[in-house]
PDB file of N, CA and C in Angstrom:
ATOM      1  N   UNK A   1     -18.797   2.453 -24.840  1.00  0.00           N
ATOM      2  CA  UNK A   1     -17.918   1.372 -25.242  1.00  0.00           C
ATOM      3  C   UNK A   1     -16.462   1.688 -24.913  1.00  0.00           C
ATOM      4  N   UNK A   2     -16.042   2.913 -25.169  1.00  0.00           N
ATOM      5  CA  UNK A   2     -14.641   3.270 -24.931  1.00  0.00           C
ATOM      6  C   UNK A   2     -14.314   3.205 -23.446  1.00  0.00           C
ATOM      7  N   UNK A   3     -15.292   3.569 -22.616  1.00  0.00           N
ATOM      8  CA  UNK A   3     -15.066   3.528 -21.169  1.00  0.00           C
ATOM      9  C   UNK A   3     -14.888   2.094 -20.697  1.00  0.00           C
ATOM     10  N   UNK A   4     -15.678   1.192 -21.214  1.00  0.00           N
ATOM     11  CA  UNK A   4     -15.553  -0.212 -20.834  1.00  0.00           C
ATOM     12  C   UNK A   4     -14.205  -0.794 -21.252  1.00  0.00           C
ATOM     13  N   UNK A   5     -13.753  -0.433 -22.436  1.00  0.00           N
ATOM     14  CA  UNK A   5     -12.453  -0.916 -22.904  1.00  0.00           C
ATOM     15  C   UNK A   5     -11.333  -0.343 -22.045  1.00  0.00           C
ATOM     16  N   UNK A   6     -11.428   0.951 -21.721  1.00  0.00           N
ATOM     17  CA  UNK A   6     -10.411   1.581 -20.875  1.00  0.00           C
ATOM     18  C   UNK A   6     -10.399   0.938 -19.495  1.00  0.00           C
ATOM     19  N   UNK A   7     -11.594   0.703 -18.944  1.00  0.00           N
ATOM     20  CA  UNK A   7     -11.695   0.107 -17.611  1.00  0.00           C
ATOM     21  C   UNK A   7     -11.104  -1.299 -17.589  1.00  0.00           C
ATOM     22  N   UNK A   8     -11.406  -2.101 -18.587  1.00  0.00           N
ATOM     23  CA  UNK A   8     -10.889  -3.470 -18.598  1.00  0.00           C
ATOM     24  C   UNK A   8      -9.368  -3.474 -18.771  1.00  0.00           C
ATOM     25  N   UNK A   9      -8.828  -2.558 -19.579  1.00  0.00           N
ATOM     26  CA  UNK A   9      -7.376  -2.471 -19.733  1.00  0.00           C
ATOM     27  C   UNK A   9      -6.716  -2.002 -18.447  1.00  0.00           C
ATOM     28  N   UNK A  10      -7.315  -1.010 -17.792  1.00  0.00           N
ATOM     29  CA  UNK A  10      -6.765  -0.475 -16.542  1.00  0.00           C
ATOM     30  C   UNK A  10      -6.783  -1.527 -15.441  1.00  0.00           C
ATOM     31  N   UNK A  11      -7.909  -2.222 -15.297  1.00  0.00           N
ATOM     32  CA  UNK A  11      -8.025  -3.254 -14.266  1.00  0.00           C
ATOM     33  C   UNK A  11      -7.046  -4.384 -14.547  1.00  0.00           C
ATOM     34  N   UNK A  12      -6.898  -4.758 -15.792  1.00  0.00           N
ATOM     35  CA  UNK A  12      -5.950  -5.812 -16.139  1.00  0.00           C
ATOM     36  C   UNK A  12      -4.518  -5.413 -15.850  1.00  0.00           C
ATOM     37  N   UNK A  13      -4.159  -4.192 -16.181  1.00  0.00           N
ATOM     38  CA  UNK A  13      -2.796  -3.716 -15.915  1.00  0.00           C
ATOM     39  C   UNK A  13      -2.541  -3.625 -14.420  1.00  0.00           C
ATOM     40  N   UNK A  14      -3.520  -3.128 -13.665  1.00  0.00           N
ATOM     41  CA  UNK A  14      -3.366  -3.013 -12.210  1.00  0.00           C
ATOM     42  C   UNK A  14      -3.225  -4.396 -11.583  1.00  0.00           C
ATOM     43  N   UNK A  15      -4.002  -5.363 -12.036  1.00  0.00           N
ATOM     44  CA  UNK A  15      -3.922  -6.722 -11.506  1.00  0.00           C
ATOM     45  C   UNK A  15      -2.552  -7.328 -11.796  1.00  0.00           C
ATOM     46  N   UNK A  16      -2.054  -7.132 -13.005  1.00  0.00           N
ATOM     47  CA  UNK A  16      -0.729  -7.645 -13.359  1.00  0.00           C
ATOM     48  C   UNK A  16       0.353  -6.995 -12.507  1.00  0.00           C
ATOM     49  N   UNK A  17       0.266  -5.681 -12.309  1.00  0.00           N
ATOM     50  CA  UNK A  17       1.272  -4.964 -11.528  1.00  0.00           C
ATOM     51  C   UNK A  17       1.276  -5.445 -10.081  1.00  0.00           C
ATOM     52  N   UNK A  18       0.106  -5.566  -9.467  1.00  0.00           N
ATOM     53  CA  UNK A  18       0.053  -5.994  -8.072  1.00  0.00           C
ATOM     54  C   UNK A  18       0.528  -7.429  -7.919  1.00  0.00           C
ATOM     55  N   UNK A  19       0.241  -8.278  -8.906  1.00  0.00           N
ATOM     56  CA  UNK A  19       0.711  -9.662  -8.838  1.00  0.00           C
ATOM     57  C   UNK A  19       2.237  -9.721  -8.897  1.00  0.00           C
ATOM     58  N   UNK A  20       2.836  -8.939  -9.787  1.00  0.00           N
ATOM     59  CA  UNK A  20       4.292  -8.916  -9.915  1.00  0.00           C
ATOM     60  C   UNK A  20       4.920  -8.374  -8.636  1.00  0.00           C
ATOM     61  N   UNK A  21       4.345  -7.307  -8.078  1.00  0.00           N
ATOM     62  CA  UNK A  21       4.890  -6.735  -6.846  1.00  0.00           C
ATOM     63  C   UNK A  21       4.757  -7.713  -5.681  1.00  0.00           C
ATOM     64  N   UNK A  22       3.668  -8.464  -5.635  1.00  0.00           N
ATOM     65  CA  UNK A  22       3.481  -9.455  -4.576  1.00  0.00           C
ATOM     66  C   UNK A  22       4.541 -10.549  -4.677  1.00  0.00           C
ATOM     67  N   UNK A  23       4.824 -11.016  -5.877  1.00  0.00           N
ATOM     68  CA  UNK A  23       5.851 -12.038  -6.073  1.00  0.00           C
ATOM     69  C   UNK A  23       7.221 -11.501  -5.666  1.00  0.00           C
ATOM     70  N   UNK A  24       7.537 -10.252  -6.059  1.00  0.00           N
ATOM     71  CA  UNK A  24       8.820  -9.659  -5.683  1.00  0.00           C
ATOM     72  C   UNK A  24       8.945  -9.520  -4.178  1.00  0.00           C
ATOM     73  N   UNK A  25       7.866  -9.096  -3.504  1.00  0.00           N
ATOM     74  CA  UNK A  25       7.902  -8.949  -2.054  1.00  0.00           C
ATOM     75  C   UNK A  25       8.081 -10.297  -1.381  1.00  0.00           C
ATOM     76  N   UNK A  26       7.366 -11.313  -1.837  1.00  0.00           N
ATOM     77  CA  UNK A  26       7.492 -12.635  -1.236  1.00  0.00           C
ATOM     78  C   UNK A  26       8.900 -13.192  -1.427  1.00  0.00           C
ATOM     79  N   UNK A  27       9.488 -12.955  -2.576  1.00  0.00           N
ATOM     80  CA  UNK A  27      10.857 -13.413  -2.826  1.00  0.00           C
ATOM     81  C   UNK A  27      11.828 -12.723  -1.890  1.00  0.00           C
ATOM     82  N   UNK A  28      11.676 -11.401  -1.724  1.00  0.00           N
ATOM     83  CA  UNK A  28      12.539 -10.652  -0.812  1.00  0.00           C
ATOM     84  C   UNK A  28      12.313 -11.099   0.629  1.00  0.00           C
ATOM     85  N   UNK A  29      11.058 -11.267   1.041  1.00  0.00           N
ATOM     86  CA  UNK A  29      10.731 -11.633   2.421  1.00  0.00           C
ATOM     87  C   UNK A  29      11.320 -13.002   2.761  1.00  0.00           C
ATOM     88  N   UNK A  30      11.306 -13.910   1.810  1.00  0.00           N
ATOM     89  CA  UNK A  30      11.837 -15.255   2.054  1.00  0.00           C
ATOM     90  C   UNK A  30      13.349 -15.248   2.272  1.00  0.00           C
ATOM     91  N   UNK A  31      14.045 -14.220   1.802  1.00  0.00           N
ATOM     92  CA  UNK A  31      15.493 -14.166   1.987  1.00  0.00           C
ATOM     93  C   UNK A  31      15.884 -13.668   3.380  1.00  0.00           C
ATOM     94  N   UNK A  32      14.933 -13.090   4.126  1.00  0.00           N
ATOM     95  CA  UNK A  32      15.237 -12.548   5.446  1.00  0.00           C
ATOM     96  C   UNK A  32      15.211 -13.637   6.509  1.00  0.00           C
ATOM     97  N   UNK A  33      16.096 -13.499   7.507  1.00  0.00           N
ATOM     98  CA  UNK A  33      16.019 -14.413   8.639  1.00  0.00           C
ATOM     99  C   UNK A  33      15.005 -13.861   9.646  1.00  0.00           C
ATOM    100  N   UNK A  34      14.785 -14.587  10.738  1.00  0.00           N
ATOM    101  CA  UNK A  34      13.747 -14.215  11.691  1.00  0.00           C
ATOM    102  C   UNK A  34      14.008 -12.853  12.326  1.00  0.00           C
ATOM    103  N   UNK A  35      15.256 -12.559  12.668  1.00  0.00           N
ATOM    104  CA  UNK A  35      15.585 -11.276  13.284  1.00  0.00           C
ATOM    105  C   UNK A  35      15.314 -10.111  12.357  1.00  0.00           C
ATOM    106  N   UNK A  36      15.690 -10.250  11.099  1.00  0.00           N
ATOM    107  CA  UNK A  36      15.447  -9.175  10.129  1.00  0.00           C
ATOM    108  C   UNK A  36      13.961  -9.011   9.834  1.00  0.00           C
ATOM    109  N   UNK A  37      13.212 -10.100   9.843  1.00  0.00           N
ATOM    110  CA  UNK A  37      11.759  -9.990   9.653  1.00  0.00           C
ATOM    111  C   UNK A  37      11.139  -9.216  10.812  1.00  0.00           C
ATOM    112  N   UNK A  38      11.589  -9.520  12.036  1.00  0.00           N
ATOM    113  CA  UNK A  38      11.070  -8.815  13.213  1.00  0.00           C
ATOM    114  C   UNK A  38      11.387  -7.326  13.142  1.00  0.00           C
ATOM    115  N   UNK A  39      12.622  -6.997  12.799  1.00  0.00           N
ATOM    116  CA  UNK A  39      13.029  -5.597  12.695  1.00  0.00           C
ATOM    117  C   UNK A  39      12.234  -4.881  11.600  1.00  0.00           C
ATOM    118  N   UNK A  40      12.001  -5.552  10.485  1.00  0.00           N
ATOM    119  CA  UNK A  40      11.235  -4.961   9.394  1.00  0.00           C
ATOM    120  C   UNK A  40       9.808  -4.644   9.824  1.00  0.00           C
ATOM    121  N   UNK A  41       9.190  -5.563  10.547  1.00  0.00           N
ATOM    122  CA  UNK A  41       7.820  -5.339  11.015  1.00  0.00           C
ATOM    123  C   UNK A  41       7.781  -4.189  12.027  1.00  0.00           C
ATOM    124  N   UNK A  42       8.749  -4.169  12.957  1.00  0.00           N
ATOM    125  CA  UNK A  42       8.779  -3.098  13.960  1.00  0.00           C
ATOM    126  C   UNK A  42       8.966  -1.739  13.287  1.00  0.00           C
ATOM    127  N   UNK A  43       9.883  -1.643  12.350  1.00  0.00           N
ATOM    128  CA  UNK A  43      10.104  -0.376  11.646  1.00  0.00           C
ATOM    129  C   UNK A  43       8.862   0.015  10.853  1.00  0.00           C
ATOM    130  N   UNK A  44       8.219  -0.936  10.229  1.00  0.00           N
ATOM    131  CA  UNK A  44       6.994  -0.642   9.493  1.00  0.00           C
ATOM    132  C   UNK A  44       5.906  -0.086  10.390  1.00  0.00           C
ATOM    133  N   UNK A  45       5.769  -0.651  11.583  1.00  0.00           N
ATOM    134  CA  UNK A  45       4.766  -0.159  12.528  1.00  0.00           C
ATOM    135  C   UNK A  45       5.149   1.226  13.042  1.00  0.00           C
ATOM    136  N   UNK A  46       6.425   1.404  13.394  1.00  0.00           N
ATOM    137  CA  UNK A  46       6.869   2.689  13.929  1.00  0.00           C
ATOM    138  C   UNK A  46       6.764   3.813  12.902  1.00  0.00           C
ATOM    139  N   UNK A  47       6.920   3.507  11.639  1.00  0.00           N
ATOM    140  CA  UNK A  47       6.761   4.514  10.595  1.00  0.00           C
ATOM    141  C   UNK A  47       5.311   4.636  10.140  1.00  0.00           C
ATOM    142  N   UNK A  48       4.603   3.539  10.112  1.00  0.00           N
ATOM    143  CA  UNK A  48       3.245   3.534   9.587  1.00  0.00           C
ATOM    144  C   UNK A  48       2.233   4.211  10.485  1.00  0.00           C
ATOM    145  N   UNK A  49       2.322   3.986  11.799  1.00  0.00           N
ATOM    146  CA  UNK A  49       1.337   4.576  12.709  1.00  0.00           C
ATOM    147  C   UNK A  49       1.346   6.102  12.699  1.00  0.00           C
ATOM    148  N   UNK A  50       2.508   6.746  12.849  1.00  0.00           N
ATOM    149  CA  UNK A  50       2.477   8.216  12.797  1.00  0.00           C
ATOM    150  C   UNK A  50       1.994   8.764  11.449  1.00  0.00           C
ATOM    151  N   UNK A  51       2.362   8.098  10.362  1.00  0.00           N
ATOM    152  CA  UNK A  51       1.895   8.556   9.055  1.00  0.00           C
ATOM    153  C   UNK A  51       0.382   8.413   8.925  1.00  0.00           C
ATOM    154  N   UNK A  52      -0.163   7.333   9.443  1.00  0.00           N
ATOM    155  CA  UNK A  52      -1.609   7.142   9.388  1.00  0.00           C
ATOM    156  C   UNK A  52      -2.329   8.145  10.284  1.00  0.00           C
ATOM    157  N   UNK A  53      -1.759   8.439  11.451  1.00  0.00           N
ATOM    158  CA  UNK A  53      -2.359   9.443  12.325  1.00  0.00           C
ATOM    159  C   UNK A  53      -2.336  10.823  11.677  1.00  0.00           C
ATOM    160  N   UNK A  54      -1.232  11.157  11.043  1.00  0.00           N
ATOM    161  CA  UNK A  54      -1.126  12.442  10.359  1.00  0.00           C
ATOM    162  C   UNK A  54      -2.129  12.534   9.210  1.00  0.00           C
ATOM    163  N   UNK A  55      -2.249  11.480   8.454  1.00  0.00           N
ATOM    164  CA  UNK A  55      -3.200  11.457   7.347  1.00  0.00           C
ATOM    165  C   UNK A  55      -4.637  11.565   7.847  1.00  0.00           C
ATOM    166  N   UNK A  56      -4.966  10.851   8.919  1.00  0.00           N
ATOM    167  CA  UNK A  56      -6.330  10.921   9.443  1.00  0.00           C
ATOM    168  C   UNK A  56      -6.635  12.308   9.995  1.00  0.00           C
ATOM    169  N   UNK A  57      -5.639  12.956  10.614  1.00  0.00           N
ATOM    170  CA  UNK A  57      -5.839  14.321  11.109  1.00  0.00           C
ATOM    171  C   UNK A  57      -6.079  15.286   9.943  1.00  0.00           C
ATOM    172  N   UNK A  58      -5.261  15.150   8.903  1.00  0.00           N
ATOM    173  CA  UNK A  58      -5.398  16.036   7.747  1.00  0.00           C
ATOM    174  C   UNK A  58      -6.744  15.843   7.060  1.00  0.00           C
ATOM    175  N   UNK A  59      -7.141  14.603   6.867  1.00  0.00           N
ATOM    176  CA  UNK A  59      -8.433  14.351   6.219  1.00  0.00           C
ATOM    177  C   UNK A  59      -9.593  14.768   7.111  1.00  0.00           C
ATOM    178  N   UNK A  60      -9.458  14.570   8.431  1.00  0.00           N
ATOM    179  CA  UNK A  60     -10.498  15.015   9.352  1.00  0.00           C
ATOM    180  C   UNK A  60     -10.650  16.521   9.338  1.00  0.00           C
ATOM    181  N   UNK A  61      -9.531  17.230   9.279  1.00  0.00           N
ATOM    182  CA  UNK A  61      -9.588  18.698   9.205  1.00  0.00           C
ATOM    183  C   UNK A  61     -10.239  19.143   7.909  1.00  0.00           C
ATOM    184  N   UNK A  62      -9.940  18.436   6.836  1.00  0.00           N
ATOM    185  CA  UNK A  62     -10.530  18.780   5.542  1.00  0.00           C
ATOM    186  C   UNK A  62     -12.040  18.570   5.559  1.00  0.00           C
ATOM    187  N   UNK A  63     -12.479  17.470   6.127  1.00  0.00           N
ATOM    188  CA  UNK A  63     -13.928  17.200   6.219  1.00  0.00           C
ATOM    189  C   UNK A  63     -14.595  18.224   7.127  1.00  0.00           C
ATOM    190  N   UNK A  64     -13.943  18.565   8.253  1.00  0.00           N
ATOM    191  CA  UNK A  64     -14.521  19.538   9.176  1.00  0.00           C
ATOM    192  C   UNK A  64     -14.629  20.918   8.522  1.00  0.00           C
ATOM    193  N   UNK A  65     -13.712  21.243   7.632  1.00  0.00           N
ATOM    194  CA  UNK A  65     -13.759  22.532   6.964  1.00  0.00           C
ATOM    195  C   UNK A  65     -14.962  22.631   6.030  1.00  0.00           C
ATOM    196  N   UNK A  66     -15.430  21.514   5.505  1.00  0.00           N
ATOM    197  CA  UNK A  66     -16.574  21.526   4.607  1.00  0.00           C
ATOM    198  C   UNK A  66     -17.907  21.498   5.336  1.00  0.00           C
ATOM    199  N   UNK A  67     -17.885  21.170   6.612  1.00  0.00           N
ATOM    200  CA  UNK A  67     -19.149  21.090   7.375  1.00  0.00           C
ATOM    201  C   UNK A  67     -19.559  22.405   7.951  1.00  0.00           C
TER     202      UNK A  67
END
């Protein structure tokens, strides 16, 4: 019973947090003009791809170490 109550509270809090963050992001995104939106997307891609590659390499090395 305690686990179910904890799970429902956690899921509810997480849902509320993500909803609030989504609204804040949409409000911020709507204030940007087209040029700033383009620059934001380009910077996100330029930062996101190397970080994802690094993470995949690290996790792949970790999995290979266990095999």
